[in-house]
Amino acid sequence: MRFNSKFWSPFAASILLLSVSCSNEKNVEEEVTNTFTGGKDEIKLITLDPGHFHAHLVVKSMYDQVDPKIFVYAPDGPELPSYLKSVESYNTREEDPTSWELEVYKGDDYLQKMLSEKKGNVMLTAGNNKEKTANIKATIEAGINVLADKPMAIDAAGFETLKEAFELAEKMMSFYLTS
């Protein structure tokens, strides 16, 4: 992975440090890239099941490297309206307003929809801890980077799944770096 450190904001640096980096094989028709240079709008953010305020905090400010269009995938429930309300409050505040544009999909098949559409290159998850580990692994398998809050695993089985996800991400990153 090549990047120029003088272009990295604290947010973009945290994506690099906290994300589980991975890349799928190149597809000529694929518009979203999983490599990061620090360029404007190169991070295409996907928010999956934003059930925790950590998802809200990530979009409290704008970042040059993050495209203002965010793709949100979530089940129908009380967490989604809370997230949407927070983003709207950031967009409409008087001091330093943000300008996030949300494209929202809600439904029970939100994970499958996100994985099939692949509209972004970084998936943010800060929600249901019971499903988080499986969602992280599935996202990595799809070749999408992951930014996750804690805890990423809440039991021994989840920890094993998380270890598998990290091993897969490491293999994918090694393949990319040597290609």
N, C-alpha and C. Protein backbone atom coordinates (compact mmCIF):
# COMPACT_ATOMS: atom_id res chain seq x y z
N MET A 1 0.85 -1.17 0.00
CA MET A 1 0.00 0.00 0.00
C MET A 1 0.90 1.23 0.00
N ARG A 2 0.61 2.17 -0.88
CA ARG A 2 1.37 3.40 -0.93
C ARG A 2 0.50 4.55 -0.46
N PHE A 3 1.05 5.42 0.38
CA PHE A 3 0.34 6.61 0.79
C PHE A 3 1.33 7.69 1.17
N ASN A 4 0.92 8.92 1.04
CA ASN A 4 1.74 10.06 1.39
C ASN A 4 1.22 10.61 2.71
N SER A 5 2.02 10.52 3.75
CA SER A 5 1.57 10.87 5.10
C SER A 5 1.19 12.33 5.27
N LYS A 6 1.70 13.23 4.44
CA LYS A 6 1.36 14.64 4.62
C LYS A 6 -0.09 14.94 4.29
N PHE A 7 -0.79 14.02 3.61
CA PHE A 7 -2.18 14.23 3.25
C PHE A 7 -3.15 13.60 4.24
N TRP A 8 -2.68 12.86 5.20
CA TRP A 8 -3.56 12.10 6.08
C TRP A 8 -4.06 12.94 7.23
N SER A 9 -5.37 13.01 7.37
CA SER A 9 -5.98 13.66 8.53
C SER A 9 -6.00 12.66 9.67
N PRO A 10 -6.29 13.10 10.88
CA PRO A 10 -6.40 12.15 12.00
C PRO A 10 -7.45 11.07 11.72
N PHE A 11 -8.55 11.44 11.07
CA PHE A 11 -9.58 10.44 10.77
C PHE A 11 -9.05 9.40 9.79
N ALA A 12 -8.44 9.86 8.72
CA ALA A 12 -7.93 8.92 7.72
C ALA A 12 -6.84 8.03 8.33
N ALA A 13 -6.03 8.60 9.19
CA ALA A 13 -5.02 7.80 9.86
C ALA A 13 -5.65 6.74 10.75
N SER A 14 -6.75 7.10 11.40
CA SER A 14 -7.43 6.10 12.24
C SER A 14 -8.04 5.00 11.39
N ILE A 15 -8.49 5.34 10.19
CA ILE A 15 -8.99 4.30 9.27
C ILE A 15 -7.85 3.32 9.00
N LEU A 16 -6.66 3.85 8.72
CA LEU A 16 -5.52 3.00 8.44
C LEU A 16 -5.16 2.15 9.64
N LEU A 17 -5.13 2.75 10.82
CA LEU A 17 -4.71 2.03 12.02
C LEU A 17 -5.77 1.07 12.55
N LEU A 18 -7.04 1.45 12.46
CA LEU A 18 -8.09 0.65 13.05
C LEU A 18 -8.78 -0.27 12.08
N SER A 19 -8.60 -0.03 10.79
CA SER A 19 -9.32 -0.86 9.82
C SER A 19 -8.61 -2.19 9.63
N VAL A 20 -9.39 -3.14 9.24
CA VAL A 20 -8.85 -4.43 8.85
C VAL A 20 -8.72 -4.32 7.35
N SER A 21 -7.48 -4.06 6.89
CA SER A 21 -7.29 -3.76 5.48
C SER A 21 -7.33 -5.02 4.64
N CYS A 22 -8.02 -4.89 3.53
CA CYS A 22 -8.10 -6.01 2.61
C CYS A 22 -8.40 -5.47 1.22
N SER A 23 -8.16 -6.29 0.25
CA SER A 23 -8.43 -5.90 -1.13
C SER A 23 -8.84 -7.12 -1.91
N ASN A 24 -9.83 -6.96 -2.79
CA ASN A 24 -10.20 -8.06 -3.66
C ASN A 24 -9.47 -7.90 -4.97
N GLU A 25 -9.52 -8.95 -5.82
CA GLU A 25 -8.84 -8.87 -7.10
C GLU A 25 -9.41 -7.73 -7.91
N LYS A 26 -8.57 -7.15 -8.75
CA LYS A 26 -8.97 -6.00 -9.55
C LYS A 26 -10.08 -6.39 -10.53
N ASN A 27 -11.07 -5.52 -10.64
CA ASN A 27 -12.16 -5.68 -11.58
C ASN A 27 -12.21 -4.37 -12.35
N VAL A 28 -12.05 -4.45 -13.65
CA VAL A 28 -11.97 -3.25 -14.47
C VAL A 28 -13.22 -2.38 -14.30
N GLU A 29 -14.38 -3.00 -14.10
CA GLU A 29 -15.62 -2.25 -13.99
C GLU A 29 -15.85 -1.69 -12.59
N GLU A 30 -15.08 -2.14 -11.62
CA GLU A 30 -15.27 -1.70 -10.23
C GLU A 30 -14.83 -0.25 -10.09
N GLU A 31 -15.72 0.61 -9.59
CA GLU A 31 -15.43 2.02 -9.44
C GLU A 31 -14.84 2.34 -8.07
N VAL A 32 -15.13 1.55 -7.06
CA VAL A 32 -14.66 1.81 -5.72
C VAL A 32 -13.33 1.09 -5.53
N THR A 33 -12.33 1.82 -5.06
CA THR A 33 -11.02 1.23 -4.84
C THR A 33 -10.77 1.04 -3.35
N ASN A 34 -9.95 0.07 -3.01
CA ASN A 34 -9.63 -0.22 -1.62
C ASN A 34 -8.23 0.23 -1.25
N THR A 35 -7.59 0.99 -2.12
CA THR A 35 -6.28 1.54 -1.79
C THR A 35 -6.45 3.01 -1.43
N PHE A 36 -5.62 3.48 -0.54
CA PHE A 36 -5.76 4.83 -0.03
C PHE A 36 -4.47 5.61 -0.20
N THR A 37 -4.58 6.81 -0.74
CA THR A 37 -3.43 7.68 -0.95
C THR A 37 -3.53 8.95 -0.13
N GLY A 38 -4.68 9.19 0.49
CA GLY A 38 -4.92 10.44 1.21
C GLY A 38 -5.65 11.45 0.34
N GLY A 39 -6.07 11.01 -0.85
CA GLY A 39 -6.74 11.90 -1.79
C GLY A 39 -8.16 12.26 -1.37
N LYS A 40 -8.64 13.33 -1.95
CA LYS A 40 -9.97 13.84 -1.66
C LYS A 40 -11.04 12.82 -2.02
N ASP A 41 -11.96 12.60 -1.08
CA ASP A 41 -13.15 11.75 -1.28
C ASP A 41 -12.84 10.29 -1.61
N GLU A 42 -11.62 9.81 -1.35
CA GLU A 42 -11.32 8.43 -1.73
C GLU A 42 -11.91 7.39 -0.77
N ILE A 43 -12.23 7.78 0.44
CA ILE A 43 -12.88 6.86 1.37
C ILE A 43 -14.37 6.95 1.12
N LYS A 44 -14.94 5.85 0.68
CA LYS A 44 -16.38 5.74 0.43
C LYS A 44 -16.96 4.97 1.60
N LEU A 45 -17.61 5.67 2.50
CA LEU A 45 -18.04 5.11 3.78
C LEU A 45 -19.38 4.41 3.68
N ILE A 46 -19.41 3.22 4.24
CA ILE A 46 -20.64 2.45 4.41
C ILE A 46 -20.85 2.34 5.92
N THR A 47 -22.04 2.67 6.39
CA THR A 47 -22.35 2.49 7.80
C THR A 47 -23.33 1.32 7.90
N LEU A 48 -22.94 0.30 8.64
CA LEU A 48 -23.76 -0.90 8.80
C LEU A 48 -24.36 -0.94 10.19
N ASP A 49 -25.68 -0.99 10.26
CA ASP A 49 -26.40 -1.13 11.53
C ASP A 49 -25.88 -0.18 12.60
N PRO A 50 -26.06 1.14 12.38
CA PRO A 50 -25.48 2.14 13.31
C PRO A 50 -26.25 2.24 14.63
N GLY A 51 -26.14 1.19 15.45
CA GLY A 51 -26.90 1.13 16.68
C GLY A 51 -26.20 1.70 17.90
N HIS A 52 -25.03 2.27 17.75
CA HIS A 52 -24.29 2.80 18.88
C HIS A 52 -23.80 4.20 18.53
N PHE A 53 -23.69 5.05 19.53
CA PHE A 53 -23.32 6.44 19.26
C PHE A 53 -21.93 6.59 18.65
N HIS A 54 -21.08 5.58 18.71
CA HIS A 54 -19.77 5.69 18.06
C HIS A 54 -19.93 5.92 16.56
N ALA A 55 -20.96 5.32 15.96
CA ALA A 55 -21.23 5.56 14.53
C ALA A 55 -21.59 7.03 14.31
N HIS A 56 -22.29 7.62 15.24
CA HIS A 56 -22.69 9.02 15.15
C HIS A 56 -21.45 9.92 15.22
N LEU A 57 -20.52 9.57 16.10
CA LEU A 57 -19.35 10.42 16.32
C LEU A 57 -18.42 10.47 15.11
N VAL A 58 -18.35 9.40 14.35
CA VAL A 58 -17.48 9.37 13.18
C VAL A 58 -17.87 10.44 12.17
N VAL A 59 -19.16 10.77 12.10
CA VAL A 59 -19.63 11.75 11.12
C VAL A 59 -19.93 13.12 11.74
N LYS A 60 -19.39 13.36 12.91
CA LYS A 60 -19.60 14.64 13.58
C LYS A 60 -18.87 15.77 12.85
N SER A 61 -17.82 15.41 12.11
CA SER A 61 -17.03 16.37 11.34
C SER A 61 -16.86 15.85 9.92
N MET A 62 -16.52 16.76 9.03
CA MET A 62 -16.22 16.39 7.64
C MET A 62 -14.71 16.18 7.52
N TYR A 63 -14.31 15.33 6.58
CA TYR A 63 -12.91 15.04 6.34
C TYR A 63 -12.68 15.05 4.83
N ASP A 64 -11.62 15.70 4.38
CA ASP A 64 -11.36 15.80 2.95
C ASP A 64 -11.28 14.43 2.28
N GLN A 65 -10.73 13.45 2.97
CA GLN A 65 -10.53 12.13 2.38
C GLN A 65 -11.82 11.32 2.29
N VAL A 66 -12.87 11.73 3.02
CA VAL A 66 -14.10 10.95 3.07
C VAL A 66 -15.16 11.59 2.18
N ASP A 67 -15.63 10.82 1.23
CA ASP A 67 -16.70 11.27 0.34
C ASP A 67 -17.92 11.65 1.18
N PRO A 68 -18.58 12.76 0.89
CA PRO A 68 -19.72 13.17 1.71
C PRO A 68 -20.94 12.25 1.57
N LYS A 69 -20.97 11.39 0.58
CA LYS A 69 -22.09 10.47 0.43
C LYS A 69 -21.80 9.21 1.25
N ILE A 70 -22.70 8.91 2.18
CA ILE A 70 -22.55 7.74 3.04
C ILE A 70 -23.69 6.77 2.73
N PHE A 71 -23.33 5.51 2.57
CA PHE A 71 -24.31 4.47 2.31
C PHE A 71 -24.62 3.77 3.63
N VAL A 72 -25.87 3.81 4.04
CA VAL A 72 -26.29 3.26 5.33
C VAL A 72 -27.16 2.04 5.07
N TYR A 73 -26.82 0.95 5.73
CA TYR A 73 -27.57 -0.31 5.65
C TYR A 73 -27.93 -0.72 7.07
N ALA A 74 -29.22 -0.91 7.32
CA ALA A 74 -29.63 -1.21 8.69
C ALA A 74 -30.98 -1.92 8.72
N PRO A 75 -31.21 -2.65 9.80
CA PRO A 75 -32.57 -3.20 9.98
C PRO A 75 -33.49 -2.07 10.42
N ASP A 76 -34.77 -2.28 10.24
CA ASP A 76 -35.74 -1.31 10.74
C ASP A 76 -35.77 -1.43 12.26
N GLY A 77 -35.72 -0.33 12.95
CA GLY A 77 -35.72 -0.34 14.40
C GLY A 77 -35.39 1.03 14.93
N PRO A 78 -35.31 1.19 16.24
CA PRO A 78 -35.11 2.52 16.83
C PRO A 78 -33.70 3.09 16.63
N GLU A 79 -32.70 2.25 16.36
CA GLU A 79 -31.33 2.75 16.23
C GLU A 79 -31.15 3.58 14.96
N LEU A 80 -31.76 3.14 13.86
CA LEU A 80 -31.58 3.86 12.60
C LEU A 80 -32.11 5.29 12.67
N PRO A 81 -33.33 5.54 13.13
CA PRO A 81 -33.80 6.93 13.23
C PRO A 81 -32.91 7.78 14.14
N SER A 82 -32.36 7.20 15.17
CA SER A 82 -31.47 7.94 16.07
C SER A 82 -30.21 8.38 15.32
N TYR A 83 -29.64 7.47 14.54
CA TYR A 83 -28.45 7.80 13.74
C TYR A 83 -28.78 8.90 12.72
N LEU A 84 -29.89 8.72 12.02
CA LEU A 84 -30.27 9.70 10.99
C LEU A 84 -30.51 11.08 11.61
N LYS A 85 -31.11 11.11 12.79
CA LYS A 85 -31.37 12.37 13.49
C LYS A 85 -30.05 13.03 13.89
N SER A 86 -29.09 12.25 14.34
CA SER A 86 -27.77 12.81 14.70
C SER A 86 -27.09 13.42 13.48
N VAL A 87 -27.10 12.69 12.38
CA VAL A 87 -26.46 13.21 11.16
C VAL A 87 -27.15 14.50 10.72
N GLU A 88 -28.46 14.51 10.77
CA GLU A 88 -29.21 15.72 10.40
C GLU A 88 -28.85 16.89 11.33
N SER A 89 -28.68 16.60 12.62
CA SER A 89 -28.31 17.68 13.55
C SER A 89 -26.92 18.22 13.24
N TYR A 90 -25.98 17.36 12.82
CA TYR A 90 -24.65 17.82 12.43
C TYR A 90 -24.72 18.66 11.16
N ASN A 91 -25.58 18.24 10.23
CA ASN A 91 -25.72 18.95 8.96
C ASN A 91 -26.38 20.32 9.12
N THR A 92 -27.20 20.49 10.15
CA THR A 92 -27.97 21.74 10.29
C THR A 92 -27.51 22.62 11.46
N ARG A 93 -26.48 22.23 12.16
CA ARG A 93 -26.03 23.07 13.27
C ARG A 93 -25.44 24.38 12.73
N GLU A 94 -25.47 25.39 13.56
CA GLU A 94 -24.99 26.71 13.14
C GLU A 94 -23.48 26.77 13.00
N GLU A 95 -22.78 26.19 13.96
CA GLU A 95 -21.32 26.26 13.94
C GLU A 95 -20.73 25.01 13.29
N ASP A 96 -19.95 25.21 12.25
CA ASP A 96 -19.25 24.14 11.55
C ASP A 96 -20.19 22.99 11.12
N PRO A 97 -21.22 23.30 10.33
CA PRO A 97 -22.13 22.24 9.91
C PRO A 97 -21.45 21.27 8.95
N THR A 98 -21.89 20.04 8.97
CA THR A 98 -21.41 19.03 8.03
C THR A 98 -22.33 19.04 6.80
N SER A 99 -21.97 18.27 5.81
CA SER A 99 -22.81 18.20 4.60
C SER A 99 -22.91 16.76 4.11
N TRP A 100 -23.16 15.85 5.04
CA TRP A 100 -23.29 14.44 4.69
C TRP A 100 -24.55 14.21 3.87
N GLU A 101 -24.44 13.36 2.88
CA GLU A 101 -25.57 12.94 2.07
C GLU A 101 -25.75 11.45 2.34
N LEU A 102 -26.91 11.07 2.82
CA LEU A 102 -27.13 9.67 3.18
C LEU A 102 -27.99 8.96 2.15
N GLU A 103 -27.56 7.78 1.77
CA GLU A 103 -28.39 6.88 0.98
C GLU A 103 -28.68 5.70 1.90
N VAL A 104 -29.94 5.55 2.28
CA VAL A 104 -30.31 4.59 3.32
C VAL A 104 -31.06 3.41 2.74
N TYR A 105 -30.62 2.21 3.15
CA TYR A 105 -31.36 0.99 2.85
C TYR A 105 -31.73 0.37 4.19
N LYS A 106 -32.99 0.06 4.39
CA LYS A 106 -33.37 -0.63 5.62
C LYS A 106 -34.18 -1.87 5.25
N GLY A 107 -33.85 -2.93 5.94
CA GLY A 107 -34.52 -4.20 5.72
C GLY A 107 -33.78 -5.30 6.47
N ASP A 108 -34.43 -6.41 6.62
CA ASP A 108 -33.81 -7.53 7.34
C ASP A 108 -32.58 -8.08 6.63
N ASP A 109 -32.48 -7.86 5.33
CA ASP A 109 -31.36 -8.37 4.54
C ASP A 109 -30.27 -7.31 4.34
N TYR A 110 -30.15 -6.37 5.30
CA TYR A 110 -29.24 -5.24 5.16
C TYR A 110 -27.80 -5.65 4.91
N LEU A 111 -27.30 -6.70 5.58
CA LEU A 111 -25.93 -7.14 5.37
C LEU A 111 -25.75 -7.68 3.95
N GLN A 112 -26.64 -8.55 3.53
CA GLN A 112 -26.55 -9.12 2.20
C GLN A 112 -26.63 -8.04 1.12
N LYS A 113 -27.50 -7.05 1.33
CA LYS A 113 -27.65 -5.95 0.38
C LYS A 113 -26.35 -5.15 0.29
N MET A 114 -25.75 -4.85 1.45
CA MET A 114 -24.50 -4.11 1.46
C MET A 114 -23.41 -4.87 0.72
N LEU A 115 -23.32 -6.17 1.00
CA LEU A 115 -22.28 -6.98 0.38
C LEU A 115 -22.48 -7.13 -1.12
N SER A 116 -23.71 -7.21 -1.56
CA SER A 116 -23.96 -7.37 -3.00
C SER A 116 -23.76 -6.06 -3.76
N GLU A 117 -24.06 -4.93 -3.13
CA GLU A 117 -23.91 -3.64 -3.81
C GLU A 117 -22.49 -3.10 -3.78
N LYS A 118 -21.76 -3.33 -2.70
CA LYS A 118 -20.37 -2.85 -2.54
C LYS A 118 -20.21 -1.41 -2.99
N LYS A 119 -20.99 -0.52 -2.41
CA LYS A 119 -20.94 0.89 -2.80
C LYS A 119 -19.83 1.67 -2.13
N GLY A 120 -19.12 1.06 -1.20
CA GLY A 120 -18.06 1.76 -0.51
C GLY A 120 -16.83 0.90 -0.33
N ASN A 121 -15.79 1.48 0.27
CA ASN A 121 -14.55 0.75 0.50
C ASN A 121 -14.16 0.67 1.98
N VAL A 122 -14.93 1.32 2.85
CA VAL A 122 -14.73 1.21 4.30
C VAL A 122 -16.10 1.06 4.95
N MET A 123 -16.28 -0.04 5.66
CA MET A 123 -17.54 -0.28 6.37
C MET A 123 -17.33 0.06 7.83
N LEU A 124 -18.18 0.95 8.33
CA LEU A 124 -18.17 1.33 9.74
C LEU A 124 -19.25 0.53 10.45
N THR A 125 -18.87 -0.17 11.51
CA THR A 125 -19.86 -0.88 12.30
C THR A 125 -19.72 -0.46 13.76
N ALA A 126 -20.83 -0.06 14.32
CA ALA A 126 -20.87 0.35 15.73
C ALA A 126 -22.28 0.07 16.22
N GLY A 127 -22.58 -1.20 16.30
CA GLY A 127 -23.96 -1.54 16.65
C GLY A 127 -24.05 -2.86 17.36
N ASN A 128 -24.92 -3.71 16.88
CA ASN A 128 -25.26 -4.98 17.50
C ASN A 128 -24.01 -5.84 17.71
N ASN A 129 -23.58 -5.98 18.96
CA ASN A 129 -22.38 -6.76 19.26
C ASN A 129 -22.58 -8.25 19.01
N LYS A 130 -23.82 -8.73 19.09
CA LYS A 130 -24.09 -10.15 18.86
C LYS A 130 -23.76 -10.55 17.42
N GLU A 131 -24.04 -9.66 16.47
CA GLU A 131 -23.82 -9.96 15.05
C GLU A 131 -22.55 -9.33 14.49
N LYS A 132 -21.90 -8.48 15.26
CA LYS A 132 -20.79 -7.69 14.75
C LYS A 132 -19.65 -8.53 14.20
N THR A 133 -19.24 -9.57 14.90
CA THR A 133 -18.10 -10.36 14.46
C THR A 133 -18.37 -11.05 13.13
N ALA A 134 -19.54 -11.65 12.99
CA ALA A 134 -19.89 -12.29 11.72
C ALA A 134 -19.97 -11.25 10.60
N ASN A 135 -20.48 -10.06 10.91
CA ASN A 135 -20.57 -9.01 9.90
C ASN A 135 -19.18 -8.54 9.48
N ILE A 136 -18.26 -8.45 10.44
CA ILE A 136 -16.89 -8.07 10.12
C ILE A 136 -16.27 -9.09 9.18
N LYS A 137 -16.40 -10.35 9.51
CA LYS A 137 -15.80 -11.40 8.67
C LYS A 137 -16.40 -11.41 7.27
N ALA A 138 -17.72 -11.31 7.17
CA ALA A 138 -18.37 -11.31 5.86
C ALA A 138 -17.93 -10.11 5.03
N THR A 139 -17.75 -8.98 5.68
CA THR A 139 -17.33 -7.77 4.97
C THR A 139 -15.90 -7.90 4.46
N ILE A 140 -15.03 -8.46 5.27
CA ILE A 140 -13.65 -8.70 4.84
C ILE A 140 -13.63 -9.69 3.68
N GLU A 141 -14.42 -10.74 3.79
CA GLU A 141 -14.49 -11.72 2.70
C GLU A 141 -14.93 -11.07 1.39
N ALA A 142 -15.72 -10.01 1.48
CA ALA A 142 -16.19 -9.29 0.30
C ALA A 142 -15.15 -8.27 -0.21
N GLY A 143 -14.03 -8.14 0.50
CA GLY A 143 -12.98 -7.24 0.07
C GLY A 143 -13.19 -5.79 0.47
N ILE A 144 -13.95 -5.56 1.52
CA ILE A 144 -14.22 -4.21 2.00
C ILE A 144 -13.50 -4.02 3.34
N ASN A 145 -12.82 -2.89 3.51
CA ASN A 145 -12.15 -2.57 4.77
C ASN A 145 -13.18 -2.37 5.87
N VAL A 146 -12.75 -2.58 7.11
CA VAL A 146 -13.65 -2.49 8.25
C VAL A 146 -13.10 -1.54 9.30
N LEU A 147 -13.96 -0.65 9.79
CA LEU A 147 -13.66 0.18 10.94
C LEU A 147 -14.71 -0.17 11.98
N ALA A 148 -14.29 -0.79 13.08
CA ALA A 148 -15.23 -1.30 14.07
C ALA A 148 -14.92 -0.74 15.45
N ASP A 149 -15.99 -0.48 16.21
CA ASP A 149 -15.79 -0.08 17.60
C ASP A 149 -15.66 -1.33 18.46
N LYS A 150 -15.37 -1.14 19.71
CA LYS A 150 -15.27 -2.25 20.64
C LYS A 150 -16.62 -2.52 21.28
N PRO A 151 -16.87 -3.68 21.72
CA PRO A 151 -16.11 -4.91 21.49
C PRO A 151 -16.40 -5.48 20.11
N MET A 152 -15.39 -6.10 19.52
CA MET A 152 -15.60 -6.75 18.23
C MET A 152 -16.04 -8.19 18.41
N ALA A 153 -15.83 -8.75 19.58
CA ALA A 153 -16.28 -10.11 19.90
C ALA A 153 -16.74 -10.11 21.35
N ILE A 154 -17.83 -10.86 21.61
CA ILE A 154 -18.37 -10.86 22.97
C ILE A 154 -18.37 -12.24 23.62
N ASP A 155 -17.90 -13.25 22.86
CA ASP A 155 -17.82 -14.59 23.44
C ASP A 155 -16.69 -15.36 22.74
N ALA A 156 -16.40 -16.57 23.21
CA ALA A 156 -15.29 -17.35 22.68
C ALA A 156 -15.48 -17.68 21.20
N ALA A 157 -16.70 -18.03 20.80
CA ALA A 157 -16.96 -18.34 19.39
C ALA A 157 -16.74 -17.11 18.52
N GLY A 158 -17.21 -15.97 19.00
CA GLY A 158 -17.01 -14.73 18.27
C GLY A 158 -15.54 -14.36 18.16
N PHE A 159 -14.77 -14.64 19.22
CA PHE A 159 -13.34 -14.35 19.18
C PHE A 159 -12.65 -15.21 18.13
N GLU A 160 -13.05 -16.47 18.01
CA GLU A 160 -12.48 -17.35 16.99
C GLU A 160 -12.82 -16.83 15.59
N THR A 161 -14.05 -16.38 15.41
CA THR A 161 -14.46 -15.81 14.12
C THR A 161 -13.65 -14.55 13.83
N LEU A 162 -13.42 -13.73 14.84
CA LEU A 162 -12.63 -12.52 14.67
C LEU A 162 -11.19 -12.85 14.29
N LYS A 163 -10.62 -13.86 14.91
CA LYS A 163 -9.26 -14.27 14.55
C LYS A 163 -9.22 -14.72 13.09
N GLU A 164 -10.22 -15.47 12.65
CA GLU A 164 -10.30 -15.88 11.25
C GLU A 164 -10.38 -14.67 10.32
N ALA A 165 -11.16 -13.68 10.72
CA ALA A 165 -11.31 -12.47 9.92
C ALA A 165 -9.98 -11.73 9.80
N PHE A 166 -9.24 -11.61 10.89
CA PHE A 166 -7.95 -10.94 10.85
C PHE A 166 -6.95 -11.73 10.01
N GLU A 167 -6.97 -13.06 10.11
CA GLU A 167 -6.08 -13.88 9.30
C GLU A 167 -6.39 -13.70 7.81
N LEU A 168 -7.67 -13.68 7.47
CA LEU A 168 -8.08 -13.48 6.09
C LEU A 168 -7.64 -12.10 5.60
N ALA A 169 -7.85 -11.08 6.41
CA ALA A 169 -7.44 -9.73 6.02
C ALA A 169 -5.93 -9.65 5.82
N GLU A 170 -5.18 -10.32 6.68
CA GLU A 170 -3.72 -10.32 6.54
C GLU A 170 -3.30 -11.00 5.24
N LYS A 171 -3.92 -12.13 4.90
CA LYS A 171 -3.62 -12.82 3.64
C LYS A 171 -3.96 -11.95 2.45
N MET A 172 -5.11 -11.30 2.50
CA MET A 172 -5.53 -10.46 1.41
C MET A 172 -4.59 -9.27 1.25
N MET A 173 -4.15 -8.69 2.36
CA MET A 173 -3.25 -7.55 2.32
C MET A 173 -1.87 -8.00 1.80
N SER A 174 -1.41 -9.15 2.24
CA SER A 174 -0.12 -9.66 1.76
C SER A 174 -0.16 -9.89 0.26
N PHE A 175 -1.27 -10.44 -0.23
CA PHE A 175 -1.41 -10.66 -1.66
C PHE A 175 -1.35 -9.33 -2.39
N TYR A 176 -2.05 -8.34 -1.88
CA TYR A 176 -2.08 -7.03 -2.53
C TYR A 176 -0.69 -6.39 -2.53
N LEU A 177 0.01 -6.46 -1.42
CA LEU A 177 1.32 -5.81 -1.32
C LEU A 177 2.36 -6.47 -2.20
N THR A 178 2.21 -7.75 -2.50
CA THR A 178 3.19 -8.44 -3.33
C THR A 178 2.79 -8.47 -4.79
N SER A 179 1.60 -8.00 -5.11
CA SER A 179 1.14 -8.00 -6.51
C SER A 179 1.66 -6.81 -7.27
